[in-house]
Protein backbone atom coordinates (compact mmCIF):
# COMPACT_ATOMS: atom_id res chain seq x y z
CA MET A 1 -29.01 12.01 2.94
CA PRO A 2 -31.16 11.01 6.11
CA ILE A 3 -29.20 11.61 9.23
CA TRP A 4 -29.55 8.18 10.55
CA THR A 5 -27.65 6.81 7.04
CA GLU A 6 -24.79 9.29 8.40
CA ILE A 7 -25.12 7.73 11.84
CA VAL A 8 -25.01 4.32 10.88
CA GLY A 9 -21.82 4.69 8.45
CA SER A 10 -19.95 6.81 10.81
CA LEU A 11 -20.40 3.86 13.39
CA ALA A 12 -19.47 1.44 11.14
CA ALA A 13 -16.28 3.43 9.96
CA THR A 14 -15.50 4.06 13.28
CA LEU A 15 -16.00 0.12 14.51
CA THR A 16 -14.17 -1.12 11.56
CA THR A 17 -10.98 1.32 11.89
CA PHE A 18 -10.45 1.20 15.78
CA CYS A 19 -11.06 -2.78 15.74
CA TRP A 20 -7.10 -2.99 14.88
CA LEU A 21 -6.14 -1.23 18.10
CA PRO A 22 -6.45 -4.26 20.66
CA GLN A 23 -4.23 -6.47 18.15
CA ILE A 24 -1.51 -3.78 17.65
CA ILE A 25 -1.37 -3.74 21.80
CA LYS A 26 -1.64 -7.38 21.94
CA ILE A 27 1.38 -7.48 19.96
CA LEU A 28 3.23 -4.69 21.39
CA ARG A 29 2.94 -6.31 25.14
CA GLN A 30 3.59 -9.99 23.79
CA ARG A 31 5.87 -9.37 21.39
CA LYS A 32 4.79 -12.22 19.40
CA THR A 33 2.68 -12.79 15.93
CA ASP A 34 2.77 -16.44 15.17
CA ASP A 35 -0.97 -16.41 15.19
CA ILE A 36 -0.84 -13.68 12.41
CA SER A 37 -0.67 -14.23 8.58
CA LEU A 38 1.74 -11.83 7.09
CA ILE A 39 0.00 -12.57 3.36
CA THR A 40 -3.62 -12.36 4.77
CA THR A 41 -2.78 -8.74 6.38
CA SER A 42 -0.85 -7.76 3.37
CA VAL A 43 -3.71 -8.39 1.20
CA LEU A 44 -5.83 -6.28 3.31
CA ALA A 45 -3.63 -3.64 3.52
CA THR A 46 -3.63 -3.65 -0.14
CA GLY A 47 -7.52 -3.74 -0.20
CA VAL A 48 -7.77 -0.76 2.41
CA PHE A 49 -5.12 1.03 0.21
CA LEU A 50 -7.52 0.65 -2.75
CA TRP A 51 -10.61 1.92 -0.56
CA ILE A 52 -8.55 5.20 -0.14
CA ILE A 53 -8.08 5.50 -3.86
CA TYR A 54 -11.77 4.63 -4.59
CA GLY A 55 -12.57 7.56 -1.72
CA PHE A 56 -10.29 10.06 -3.45
CA ALA A 57 -12.05 9.00 -6.55
CA LEU A 58 -15.45 9.93 -5.27
CA GLY A 59 -14.54 12.76 -3.24
CA SER A 60 -15.79 11.14 -0.08
CA THR A 61 -13.94 12.30 2.93
CA PRO A 62 -15.67 9.83 5.35
CA ILE A 63 -14.01 6.97 2.96
CA ILE A 64 -10.61 8.52 2.98
CA ALA A 65 -10.34 9.46 6.24
CA ALA A 66 -11.57 6.12 7.76
CA ASN A 67 -9.23 4.20 5.42
CA ILE A 68 -6.32 6.01 5.97
CA VAL A 69 -6.50 5.16 9.71
CA SER A 70 -7.28 1.71 8.77
CA PHE A 71 -4.28 1.57 6.71
CA LEU A 72 -2.02 2.90 8.89
CA PHE A 73 -3.24 0.57 11.72
CA ILE A 74 -2.82 -2.63 9.52
CA ALA A 75 0.53 -1.49 8.16
CA SER A 76 1.51 -1.37 11.38
CA ILE A 77 0.67 -4.75 12.17
CA VAL A 78 2.61 -5.73 8.90
CA ALA A 79 5.58 -4.13 10.19
CA LEU A 80 5.13 -5.95 13.67
CA LYS A 81 4.89 -8.93 12.18
CA LEU A 82 8.00 -8.70 10.14
CA ARG A 83 9.83 -7.24 13.18
CA TYR A 84 8.81 -10.08 15.61
CA GLY A 85 7.33 -12.88 13.39
């Protein structure tokens, strides 16, 4: 696989994984989750969990790692929604 493909994939994984941090920080600061849909976020968490399973099936460490971190962030948002929502 060409190096540029790995770079693009790594950049995509980093951006889509860490995009959840600002949302988590905002929730923790404001202690407010009115604008967050519990159903949508829960479905997203389920989908990301399935990506983790898919990554294990393929033996793809980047897919597994990026989605485990994403799942933890999204699950945190679900937990915060249940706590503050």
